[in-house]
N, C-alpha and C. Protein backbone atom coordinates (compact mmCIF):
# COMPACT_ATOMS: atom_id res chain seq x y z
N MET A 1 62.33 42.65 -26.77
CA MET A 1 62.68 41.28 -26.46
C MET A 1 63.10 41.13 -24.98
N ALA A 2 63.51 42.23 -24.36
CA ALA A 2 63.99 42.14 -22.98
C ALA A 2 62.87 41.80 -22.00
N LYS A 3 61.66 42.39 -22.21
CA LYS A 3 60.57 42.12 -21.28
C LYS A 3 60.20 40.64 -21.24
N PRO A 4 60.07 39.95 -22.39
CA PRO A 4 59.79 38.51 -22.30
C PRO A 4 60.91 37.73 -21.60
N LEU A 5 62.16 38.12 -21.81
CA LEU A 5 63.26 37.42 -21.15
C LEU A 5 63.22 37.62 -19.63
N ILE A 6 62.85 38.83 -19.22
CA ILE A 6 62.71 39.09 -17.78
C ILE A 6 61.63 38.20 -17.19
N LEU A 7 60.50 38.07 -17.90
CA LEU A 7 59.41 37.24 -17.39
C LEU A 7 59.77 35.77 -17.37
N ILE A 8 60.46 35.30 -18.38
CA ILE A 8 60.90 33.90 -18.39
C ILE A 8 61.80 33.64 -17.19
N SER A 9 62.71 34.57 -16.93
CA SER A 9 63.60 34.43 -15.76
C SER A 9 62.81 34.42 -14.46
N LEU A 10 61.82 35.30 -14.34
CA LEU A 10 61.00 35.34 -13.12
C LEU A 10 60.17 34.08 -12.95
N ILE A 11 59.66 33.55 -14.05
CA ILE A 11 58.88 32.31 -13.98
C ILE A 11 59.75 31.18 -13.44
N LEU A 12 60.94 31.05 -14.00
CA LEU A 12 61.87 30.00 -13.54
C LEU A 12 62.28 30.23 -12.08
N PHE A 13 62.58 31.46 -11.74
CA PHE A 13 62.97 31.81 -10.38
C PHE A 13 61.85 31.45 -9.40
N PHE A 14 60.62 31.87 -9.73
CA PHE A 14 59.50 31.58 -8.85
C PHE A 14 59.25 30.09 -8.74
N TYR A 15 59.34 29.38 -9.83
CA TYR A 15 59.12 27.94 -9.83
C TYR A 15 60.09 27.25 -8.86
N LEU A 16 61.33 27.70 -8.88
CA LEU A 16 62.36 27.08 -8.03
C LEU A 16 62.30 27.56 -6.58
N GLN A 17 61.97 28.84 -6.36
CA GLN A 17 62.02 29.42 -5.01
C GLN A 17 60.69 29.40 -4.27
N GLY A 18 59.59 29.12 -4.95
CA GLY A 18 58.28 29.18 -4.32
C GLY A 18 57.71 27.84 -3.91
N LYS A 19 58.55 26.85 -3.78
CA LYS A 19 58.06 25.49 -3.49
C LYS A 19 57.42 25.37 -2.11
N HIS A 20 57.72 26.28 -1.21
CA HIS A 20 57.15 26.24 0.14
C HIS A 20 55.71 26.76 0.18
N LEU A 21 55.26 27.38 -0.90
CA LEU A 21 53.92 27.97 -0.95
C LEU A 21 52.88 26.91 -1.27
N SER A 22 51.62 27.22 -0.97
CA SER A 22 50.54 26.29 -1.28
C SER A 22 50.47 26.08 -2.80
N GLN A 23 49.92 24.96 -3.18
CA GLN A 23 49.78 24.64 -4.60
C GLN A 23 48.94 25.70 -5.31
N LYS A 24 47.90 26.17 -4.64
CA LYS A 24 47.01 27.19 -5.22
C LYS A 24 47.77 28.50 -5.46
N THR A 25 48.56 28.93 -4.49
CA THR A 25 49.34 30.16 -4.64
C THR A 25 50.35 30.02 -5.77
N ARG A 26 51.04 28.89 -5.79
CA ARG A 26 52.03 28.65 -6.84
C ARG A 26 51.38 28.67 -8.23
N ARG A 27 50.28 27.93 -8.36
CA ARG A 27 49.59 27.83 -9.65
C ARG A 27 49.11 29.20 -10.12
N ASN A 28 48.44 29.94 -9.23
CA ASN A 28 47.91 31.25 -9.64
C ASN A 28 49.02 32.25 -9.96
N THR A 29 50.13 32.20 -9.22
CA THR A 29 51.24 33.09 -9.51
C THR A 29 51.88 32.73 -10.85
N LEU A 30 52.05 31.44 -11.10
CA LEU A 30 52.61 31.02 -12.39
C LEU A 30 51.69 31.39 -13.55
N PHE A 31 50.38 31.30 -13.34
CA PHE A 31 49.44 31.75 -14.37
C PHE A 31 49.57 33.25 -14.60
N ALA A 32 49.68 34.02 -13.51
CA ALA A 32 49.83 35.48 -13.63
C ALA A 32 51.08 35.82 -14.43
N LEU A 33 52.18 35.16 -14.11
CA LEU A 33 53.44 35.43 -14.81
C LEU A 33 53.38 34.97 -16.26
N THR A 34 52.73 33.85 -16.52
CA THR A 34 52.61 33.35 -17.90
C THR A 34 51.75 34.27 -18.74
N PHE A 35 50.62 34.72 -18.20
CA PHE A 35 49.78 35.67 -18.95
C PHE A 35 50.53 36.98 -19.18
N SER A 36 51.35 37.39 -18.21
CA SER A 36 52.17 38.59 -18.40
C SER A 36 53.17 38.39 -19.54
N LEU A 37 53.77 37.22 -19.59
CA LEU A 37 54.71 36.90 -20.65
C LEU A 37 54.03 36.95 -22.02
N VAL A 38 52.85 36.35 -22.11
CA VAL A 38 52.09 36.38 -23.37
C VAL A 38 51.76 37.82 -23.74
N GLY A 39 51.34 38.61 -22.76
CA GLY A 39 51.04 40.02 -23.01
C GLY A 39 52.26 40.78 -23.50
N ASP A 40 53.42 40.51 -22.90
CA ASP A 40 54.66 41.17 -23.35
C ASP A 40 54.96 40.86 -24.80
N VAL A 41 54.82 39.59 -25.17
CA VAL A 41 55.10 39.19 -26.56
C VAL A 41 54.11 39.86 -27.51
N LEU A 42 52.84 39.85 -27.16
CA LEU A 42 51.82 40.46 -28.03
C LEU A 42 52.04 41.96 -28.20
N LEU A 43 52.41 42.65 -27.11
CA LEU A 43 52.61 44.10 -27.21
C LEU A 43 53.82 44.47 -28.07
N MET A 44 54.70 43.51 -28.30
CA MET A 44 55.84 43.76 -29.19
C MET A 44 55.37 43.98 -30.63
N PHE A 45 54.15 43.51 -30.94
CA PHE A 45 53.62 43.59 -32.30
C PHE A 45 52.44 44.55 -32.43
N ASP A 46 52.24 45.41 -31.43
CA ASP A 46 51.07 46.29 -31.48
C ASP A 46 51.14 47.32 -32.60
N GLU A 47 52.32 47.57 -33.14
CA GLU A 47 52.44 48.48 -34.29
C GLU A 47 51.90 47.82 -35.56
N VAL A 48 51.93 46.49 -35.60
CA VAL A 48 51.45 45.75 -36.78
C VAL A 48 49.93 45.83 -36.87
N SER A 49 49.27 45.65 -35.72
CA SER A 49 47.80 45.68 -35.70
C SER A 49 47.33 46.02 -34.28
N SER A 50 46.23 46.75 -34.22
CA SER A 50 45.67 47.09 -32.90
C SER A 50 45.13 45.86 -32.19
N TYR A 51 44.90 44.78 -32.94
CA TYR A 51 44.44 43.54 -32.31
C TYR A 51 45.50 42.97 -31.37
N PHE A 52 46.77 43.13 -31.72
CA PHE A 52 47.83 42.66 -30.83
C PHE A 52 47.77 43.41 -29.50
N PHE A 53 47.49 44.72 -29.57
CA PHE A 53 47.38 45.50 -28.34
C PHE A 53 46.18 45.02 -27.52
N LEU A 54 45.04 44.82 -28.18
CA LEU A 54 43.83 44.40 -27.48
C LEU A 54 44.02 43.03 -26.84
N ILE A 55 44.58 42.08 -27.57
CA ILE A 55 44.78 40.74 -27.01
C ILE A 55 45.84 40.79 -25.91
N GLY A 56 46.86 41.63 -26.09
CA GLY A 56 47.86 41.82 -25.03
C GLY A 56 47.23 42.40 -23.77
N LEU A 57 46.33 43.36 -23.96
CA LEU A 57 45.60 43.96 -22.84
C LEU A 57 44.78 42.90 -22.10
N ILE A 58 44.12 42.03 -22.85
CA ILE A 58 43.33 40.96 -22.25
C ILE A 58 44.25 39.99 -21.49
N SER A 59 45.41 39.72 -22.07
CA SER A 59 46.35 38.83 -21.40
C SER A 59 46.82 39.41 -20.07
N PHE A 60 47.14 40.71 -20.05
CA PHE A 60 47.53 41.34 -18.79
C PHE A 60 46.36 41.42 -17.82
N LEU A 61 45.16 41.61 -18.33
CA LEU A 61 43.98 41.60 -17.48
C LEU A 61 43.87 40.26 -16.76
N MET A 62 44.11 39.17 -17.50
CA MET A 62 44.07 37.84 -16.89
C MET A 62 45.19 37.68 -15.85
N ALA A 63 46.36 38.23 -16.15
CA ALA A 63 47.46 38.19 -15.17
C ALA A 63 47.03 38.87 -13.87
N HIS A 64 46.38 40.01 -13.99
CA HIS A 64 45.92 40.73 -12.80
C HIS A 64 44.87 39.93 -12.04
N VAL A 65 43.99 39.25 -12.77
CA VAL A 65 42.96 38.42 -12.11
C VAL A 65 43.63 37.32 -11.30
N PHE A 66 44.67 36.71 -11.84
CA PHE A 66 45.36 35.65 -11.09
C PHE A 66 46.13 36.23 -9.90
N TYR A 67 46.71 37.41 -10.06
CA TYR A 67 47.35 38.06 -8.90
C TYR A 67 46.31 38.38 -7.83
N ILE A 68 45.15 38.85 -8.25
CA ILE A 68 44.07 39.14 -7.30
C ILE A 68 43.74 37.87 -6.50
N ALA A 69 43.65 36.74 -7.19
CA ALA A 69 43.35 35.47 -6.51
C ALA A 69 44.43 35.14 -5.48
N VAL A 70 45.69 35.38 -5.83
CA VAL A 70 46.79 35.14 -4.90
C VAL A 70 46.67 36.06 -3.69
N PHE A 71 46.42 37.33 -3.92
CA PHE A 71 46.36 38.30 -2.82
C PHE A 71 45.16 38.04 -1.91
N LEU A 72 44.04 37.61 -2.49
CA LEU A 72 42.85 37.36 -1.68
C LEU A 72 43.03 36.18 -0.73
N GLU A 73 43.96 35.28 -1.05
CA GLU A 73 44.22 34.15 -0.15
C GLU A 73 44.71 34.64 1.21
N LYS A 74 45.35 35.79 1.24
CA LYS A 74 45.90 36.33 2.49
C LYS A 74 45.18 37.61 2.93
N LYS A 75 43.95 37.75 2.51
CA LYS A 75 43.16 38.94 2.83
C LYS A 75 42.94 39.07 4.33
N ASN A 76 43.17 40.27 4.83
CA ASN A 76 42.90 40.59 6.22
C ASN A 76 41.48 41.16 6.29
N ARG A 77 40.59 40.39 6.84
CA ARG A 77 39.17 40.78 6.86
C ARG A 77 38.91 42.01 7.74
N LEU A 78 39.85 42.34 8.60
CA LEU A 78 39.68 43.50 9.47
C LEU A 78 40.13 44.80 8.80
N LYS A 79 40.84 44.68 7.70
CA LYS A 79 41.40 45.85 7.00
C LYS A 79 40.30 46.56 6.22
N LYS A 80 40.22 47.87 6.39
CA LYS A 80 39.25 48.71 5.67
C LYS A 80 40.03 49.77 4.88
N PRO A 81 40.27 49.50 3.60
CA PRO A 81 41.15 50.39 2.82
C PRO A 81 40.44 51.58 2.15
N ILE A 82 39.45 52.15 2.80
CA ILE A 82 38.67 53.24 2.20
C ILE A 82 39.55 54.42 1.76
N PRO A 83 40.49 54.90 2.58
CA PRO A 83 41.34 56.02 2.12
C PRO A 83 42.16 55.64 0.88
N PHE A 84 42.69 54.42 0.85
CA PHE A 84 43.47 53.98 -0.30
C PHE A 84 42.60 53.87 -1.55
N ILE A 85 41.40 53.31 -1.39
CA ILE A 85 40.47 53.22 -2.53
C ILE A 85 40.12 54.61 -3.04
N THR A 86 39.93 55.55 -2.13
CA THR A 86 39.63 56.94 -2.53
C THR A 86 40.77 57.52 -3.36
N LEU A 87 42.02 57.31 -2.91
CA LEU A 87 43.18 57.78 -3.68
C LEU A 87 43.24 57.13 -5.06
N LEU A 88 42.98 55.84 -5.12
CA LEU A 88 42.99 55.13 -6.40
C LEU A 88 41.92 55.67 -7.35
N ILE A 89 40.75 55.94 -6.82
CA ILE A 89 39.67 56.47 -7.66
C ILE A 89 40.04 57.85 -8.20
N ILE A 90 40.61 58.70 -7.36
CA ILE A 90 41.04 60.03 -7.81
C ILE A 90 42.10 59.90 -8.89
N TYR A 91 43.07 59.01 -8.67
CA TYR A 91 44.13 58.77 -9.65
C TYR A 91 43.54 58.27 -10.97
N ALA A 92 42.64 57.29 -10.89
CA ALA A 92 42.04 56.70 -12.09
C ALA A 92 41.21 57.73 -12.86
N LEU A 93 40.45 58.54 -12.15
CA LEU A 93 39.64 59.57 -12.82
C LEU A 93 40.52 60.60 -13.52
N GLY A 94 41.61 60.99 -12.87
CA GLY A 94 42.54 61.92 -13.50
C GLY A 94 43.17 61.33 -14.75
N LEU A 95 43.60 60.08 -14.66
CA LEU A 95 44.20 59.41 -15.82
C LEU A 95 43.17 59.23 -16.92
N PHE A 96 41.98 58.83 -16.55
CA PHE A 96 40.90 58.65 -17.53
C PHE A 96 40.58 59.97 -18.23
N TYR A 97 40.59 61.06 -17.49
CA TYR A 97 40.34 62.38 -18.07
C TYR A 97 41.39 62.72 -19.14
N ILE A 98 42.64 62.41 -18.84
CA ILE A 98 43.73 62.67 -19.79
C ILE A 98 43.59 61.79 -21.04
N LEU A 99 43.22 60.54 -20.86
CA LEU A 99 43.20 59.57 -21.96
C LEU A 99 41.93 59.60 -22.79
N TYR A 100 40.84 60.08 -22.24
CA TYR A 100 39.51 59.90 -22.81
C TYR A 100 39.44 60.22 -24.31
N ASP A 101 39.92 61.37 -24.73
CA ASP A 101 39.79 61.76 -26.14
C ASP A 101 40.55 60.84 -27.09
N GLY A 102 41.60 60.20 -26.62
CA GLY A 102 42.39 59.33 -27.49
C GLY A 102 41.99 57.87 -27.48
N LEU A 103 41.05 57.49 -26.63
CA LEU A 103 40.71 56.07 -26.49
C LEU A 103 39.91 55.51 -27.65
N GLY A 104 38.98 56.28 -28.20
CA GLY A 104 38.19 55.80 -29.33
C GLY A 104 37.53 54.46 -29.04
N HIS A 105 37.77 53.48 -29.94
CA HIS A 105 37.15 52.15 -29.80
C HIS A 105 37.74 51.35 -28.63
N MET A 106 38.79 51.85 -28.01
CA MET A 106 39.41 51.16 -26.89
C MET A 106 38.85 51.63 -25.54
N LEU A 107 37.84 52.49 -25.57
CA LEU A 107 37.26 53.05 -24.34
C LEU A 107 36.82 51.95 -23.36
N ILE A 108 36.01 51.02 -23.83
CA ILE A 108 35.49 49.98 -22.94
C ILE A 108 36.60 49.02 -22.48
N PRO A 109 37.44 48.49 -23.41
CA PRO A 109 38.50 47.60 -22.93
C PRO A 109 39.45 48.27 -21.92
N VAL A 110 39.82 49.52 -22.17
CA VAL A 110 40.73 50.21 -21.25
C VAL A 110 40.03 50.48 -19.92
N SER A 111 38.75 50.82 -19.95
CA SER A 111 38.00 51.05 -18.71
C SER A 111 37.94 49.78 -17.86
N ILE A 112 37.66 48.66 -18.50
CA ILE A 112 37.61 47.38 -17.78
C ILE A 112 38.98 47.06 -17.20
N TYR A 113 40.02 47.27 -18.01
CA TYR A 113 41.38 47.00 -17.55
C TYR A 113 41.72 47.85 -16.33
N MET A 114 41.33 49.13 -16.38
CA MET A 114 41.60 50.03 -15.26
C MET A 114 40.93 49.51 -13.98
N LEU A 115 39.69 49.06 -14.09
CA LEU A 115 38.99 48.54 -12.91
C LEU A 115 39.69 47.32 -12.34
N VAL A 116 40.18 46.45 -13.22
CA VAL A 116 40.83 45.23 -12.75
C VAL A 116 42.17 45.54 -12.08
N ILE A 117 42.97 46.42 -12.70
CA ILE A 117 44.27 46.72 -12.08
C ILE A 117 44.09 47.49 -10.76
N LEU A 118 43.06 48.32 -10.68
CA LEU A 118 42.78 48.98 -9.40
C LEU A 118 42.33 47.97 -8.35
N SER A 119 41.57 46.97 -8.78
CA SER A 119 41.17 45.90 -7.86
C SER A 119 42.38 45.12 -7.37
N MET A 120 43.36 44.92 -8.26
CA MET A 120 44.59 44.24 -7.85
C MET A 120 45.29 45.06 -6.78
N ALA A 121 45.32 46.37 -6.94
CA ALA A 121 45.97 47.23 -5.94
C ALA A 121 45.25 47.13 -4.60
N VAL A 122 43.93 47.12 -4.63
CA VAL A 122 43.16 47.03 -3.38
C VAL A 122 43.40 45.69 -2.70
N THR A 123 43.38 44.60 -3.46
CA THR A 123 43.59 43.29 -2.83
C THR A 123 45.01 43.16 -2.30
N ALA A 124 45.98 43.81 -2.94
CA ALA A 124 47.35 43.81 -2.41
C ALA A 124 47.38 44.54 -1.06
N ALA A 125 46.65 45.65 -0.97
CA ALA A 125 46.59 46.42 0.28
C ALA A 125 45.90 45.62 1.39
N LEU A 126 44.95 44.79 1.02
CA LEU A 126 44.20 44.01 2.01
C LEU A 126 45.02 42.90 2.67
N ARG A 127 46.23 42.65 2.19
CA ARG A 127 47.10 41.63 2.79
C ARG A 127 47.75 42.11 4.09
N LYS A 128 47.74 43.41 4.31
CA LYS A 128 48.45 43.99 5.47
C LYS A 128 47.96 43.35 6.77
N GLY A 129 48.90 42.87 7.56
CA GLY A 129 48.58 42.24 8.83
C GLY A 129 48.42 40.73 8.74
N ASN A 130 48.26 40.20 7.54
CA ASN A 130 48.11 38.76 7.38
C ASN A 130 49.34 38.10 6.78
N VAL A 131 50.30 38.90 6.40
CA VAL A 131 51.57 38.39 5.86
C VAL A 131 52.69 39.16 6.55
N PRO A 132 53.91 38.63 6.52
CA PRO A 132 55.03 39.39 7.09
C PRO A 132 55.17 40.76 6.41
N ASN A 133 55.66 41.75 7.16
CA ASN A 133 55.79 43.11 6.63
C ASN A 133 56.59 43.17 5.34
N LEU A 134 57.68 42.41 5.25
CA LEU A 134 58.49 42.41 4.04
C LEU A 134 57.68 41.94 2.84
N SER A 135 56.91 40.88 3.02
CA SER A 135 56.05 40.36 1.95
C SER A 135 55.03 41.41 1.52
N TYR A 136 54.37 42.01 2.52
CA TYR A 136 53.37 43.04 2.21
C TYR A 136 53.99 44.21 1.46
N ASN A 137 55.11 44.73 1.97
CA ASN A 137 55.73 45.90 1.36
C ASN A 137 56.20 45.63 -0.07
N LEU A 138 56.80 44.47 -0.29
CA LEU A 138 57.27 44.14 -1.64
C LEU A 138 56.11 44.06 -2.63
N VAL A 139 55.06 43.34 -2.26
CA VAL A 139 53.91 43.21 -3.15
C VAL A 139 53.26 44.57 -3.38
N PHE A 140 53.09 45.34 -2.32
CA PHE A 140 52.43 46.64 -2.45
C PHE A 140 53.24 47.58 -3.35
N ILE A 141 54.54 47.63 -3.16
CA ILE A 141 55.41 48.45 -4.02
C ILE A 141 55.32 47.95 -5.46
N GLY A 142 55.35 46.62 -5.63
CA GLY A 142 55.25 46.05 -6.97
C GLY A 142 53.96 46.43 -7.68
N VAL A 143 52.86 46.38 -6.96
CA VAL A 143 51.56 46.73 -7.57
C VAL A 143 51.52 48.22 -7.93
N LEU A 144 52.04 49.07 -7.05
CA LEU A 144 52.07 50.51 -7.38
C LEU A 144 52.95 50.78 -8.60
N LEU A 145 54.08 50.08 -8.70
CA LEU A 145 54.94 50.23 -9.87
C LEU A 145 54.25 49.72 -11.13
N PHE A 146 53.45 48.67 -11.00
CA PHE A 146 52.68 48.16 -12.14
C PHE A 146 51.70 49.23 -12.61
N LEU A 147 51.04 49.89 -11.65
CA LEU A 147 50.12 50.98 -12.00
C LEU A 147 50.86 52.10 -12.74
N ILE A 148 52.03 52.45 -12.26
CA ILE A 148 52.82 53.51 -12.90
C ILE A 148 53.23 53.09 -14.30
N SER A 149 53.73 51.88 -14.44
CA SER A 149 54.15 51.38 -15.74
C SER A 149 53.01 51.40 -16.75
N ASP A 150 51.86 50.87 -16.33
CA ASP A 150 50.70 50.84 -17.23
C ASP A 150 50.17 52.24 -17.53
N SER A 151 50.29 53.14 -16.58
CA SER A 151 49.85 54.52 -16.81
C SER A 151 50.74 55.20 -17.84
N ILE A 152 52.04 54.99 -17.73
CA ILE A 152 52.97 55.56 -18.71
C ILE A 152 52.67 55.00 -20.09
N LEU A 153 52.47 53.69 -20.17
CA LEU A 153 52.15 53.06 -21.44
C LEU A 153 50.86 53.64 -22.03
N ALA A 154 49.84 53.78 -21.20
CA ALA A 154 48.55 54.30 -21.66
C ALA A 154 48.65 55.74 -22.14
N VAL A 155 49.33 56.59 -21.37
CA VAL A 155 49.50 57.99 -21.77
C VAL A 155 50.26 58.07 -23.08
N ASN A 156 51.31 57.27 -23.20
CA ASN A 156 52.11 57.28 -24.42
C ASN A 156 51.30 56.79 -25.62
N LYS A 157 50.44 55.81 -25.43
CA LYS A 157 49.66 55.25 -26.54
C LYS A 157 48.44 56.09 -26.90
N PHE A 158 47.75 56.63 -25.90
CA PHE A 158 46.46 57.27 -26.16
C PHE A 158 46.46 58.79 -26.01
N TYR A 159 47.54 59.36 -25.52
CA TYR A 159 47.56 60.81 -25.33
C TYR A 159 48.68 61.48 -26.12
N GLY A 160 49.91 61.13 -25.84
CA GLY A 160 51.04 61.73 -26.54
C GLY A 160 52.34 61.10 -26.09
N ASP A 161 53.34 61.29 -26.90
CA ASP A 161 54.65 60.70 -26.62
C ASP A 161 55.25 61.19 -25.31
N ILE A 162 55.84 60.27 -24.58
CA ILE A 162 56.54 60.56 -23.34
C ILE A 162 58.02 60.32 -23.59
N LEU A 163 58.82 61.27 -23.18
CA LEU A 163 60.27 61.15 -23.32
C LEU A 163 60.78 59.94 -22.54
N TYR A 164 61.59 59.12 -23.17
CA TYR A 164 62.18 57.91 -22.57
C TYR A 164 61.12 56.92 -22.11
N GLU A 165 59.98 56.86 -22.82
CA GLU A 165 58.89 55.99 -22.36
C GLU A 165 59.31 54.52 -22.30
N HIS A 166 60.11 54.04 -23.25
CA HIS A 166 60.51 52.63 -23.21
C HIS A 166 61.32 52.32 -21.95
N LEU A 167 62.23 53.20 -21.61
CA LEU A 167 63.05 53.01 -20.41
C LEU A 167 62.19 53.08 -19.15
N LEU A 168 61.29 54.05 -19.11
CA LEU A 168 60.41 54.20 -17.94
C LEU A 168 59.48 53.00 -17.78
N ILE A 169 58.88 52.57 -18.88
CA ILE A 169 57.96 51.44 -18.83
C ILE A 169 58.72 50.17 -18.44
N MET A 170 59.85 49.94 -19.09
CA MET A 170 60.62 48.72 -18.84
C MET A 170 61.10 48.65 -17.39
N SER A 171 61.64 49.74 -16.88
CA SER A 171 62.19 49.70 -15.53
C SER A 171 61.09 49.55 -14.47
N THR A 172 60.00 50.29 -14.60
CA THR A 172 58.93 50.17 -13.60
C THR A 172 58.25 48.81 -13.69
N TYR A 173 58.06 48.31 -14.91
CA TYR A 173 57.40 47.00 -15.10
C TYR A 173 58.26 45.87 -14.57
N ALA A 174 59.53 45.86 -14.93
CA ALA A 174 60.42 44.78 -14.48
C ALA A 174 60.53 44.77 -12.96
N PHE A 175 60.71 45.94 -12.37
CA PHE A 175 60.83 46.02 -10.92
C PHE A 175 59.50 45.65 -10.26
N ALA A 176 58.38 46.01 -10.89
CA ALA A 176 57.05 45.66 -10.35
C ALA A 176 56.90 44.14 -10.27
N GLN A 177 57.17 43.47 -11.37
CA GLN A 177 57.01 42.02 -11.40
C GLN A 177 57.97 41.36 -10.40
N TYR A 178 59.20 41.87 -10.33
CA TYR A 178 60.19 41.31 -9.40
C TYR A 178 59.70 41.47 -7.95
N CYS A 179 59.24 42.66 -7.60
CA CYS A 179 58.76 42.91 -6.23
C CYS A 179 57.57 42.02 -5.88
N ILE A 180 56.64 41.88 -6.81
CA ILE A 180 55.47 41.04 -6.55
C ILE A 180 55.89 39.60 -6.32
N VAL A 181 56.75 39.09 -7.19
CA VAL A 181 57.22 37.70 -7.06
C VAL A 181 57.96 37.51 -5.74
N MET A 182 58.87 38.42 -5.41
CA MET A 182 59.63 38.30 -4.16
C MET A 182 58.69 38.41 -2.96
N GLY A 183 57.71 39.28 -3.02
CA GLY A 183 56.76 39.43 -1.92
C GLY A 183 55.93 38.17 -1.71
N ILE A 184 55.52 37.54 -2.80
CA ILE A 184 54.75 36.30 -2.68
C ILE A 184 55.64 35.20 -2.09
N ILE A 185 56.88 35.11 -2.55
CA ILE A 185 57.81 34.11 -2.02
C ILE A 185 58.03 34.31 -0.52
N LYS A 186 58.06 35.57 -0.06
CA LYS A 186 58.33 35.87 1.35
C LYS A 186 57.12 35.69 2.26
N GLN A 187 55.94 35.46 1.67
CA GLN A 187 54.77 35.27 2.55
C GLN A 187 54.80 33.87 3.15
N LYS A 188 54.16 33.74 4.28
CA LYS A 188 54.07 32.42 4.91
C LYS A 188 52.97 31.64 4.21
N ASN A 189 53.10 30.34 4.20
CA ASN A 189 52.10 29.51 3.53
C ASN A 189 50.79 29.51 4.27
């Protein structure tokens, strides 16, 4: 129940503090946070049915798509993130190798989700130089924490139990969303 409450608080906070941002940025960020909230609620019931997990996964995928749209608004066309993309691909392949045997019928949905969240990381990196350093750093840290949170969740679900996984997932996820929201608020319009 804590994750949905955190998201509700962030939605309200962003709504009140992000009024200086363009309407498009505000709308897309609120959509990202709302889809995250829906995903949080659905994942609370994933023990009841795997459909809750799948629909929750789709909801978070949509949240990432809206974050991508926000980040692309401030894309630095001169930035070439090839080394960062290479690191992400190595990380994703390693994680995929660990998860592969446990994915079963979730192979395609998880693969698509991985591509989208990696795309979110790349678009966050592409903001460098087009937003204030504080905004860039907060969003970038938030996206990396989101990757860590989702990786812990995936390993715990598809590979094996992780000690203190709820605490690890909750703390990295909450801080990720907070950093992203604060970073977007700190960007110039």
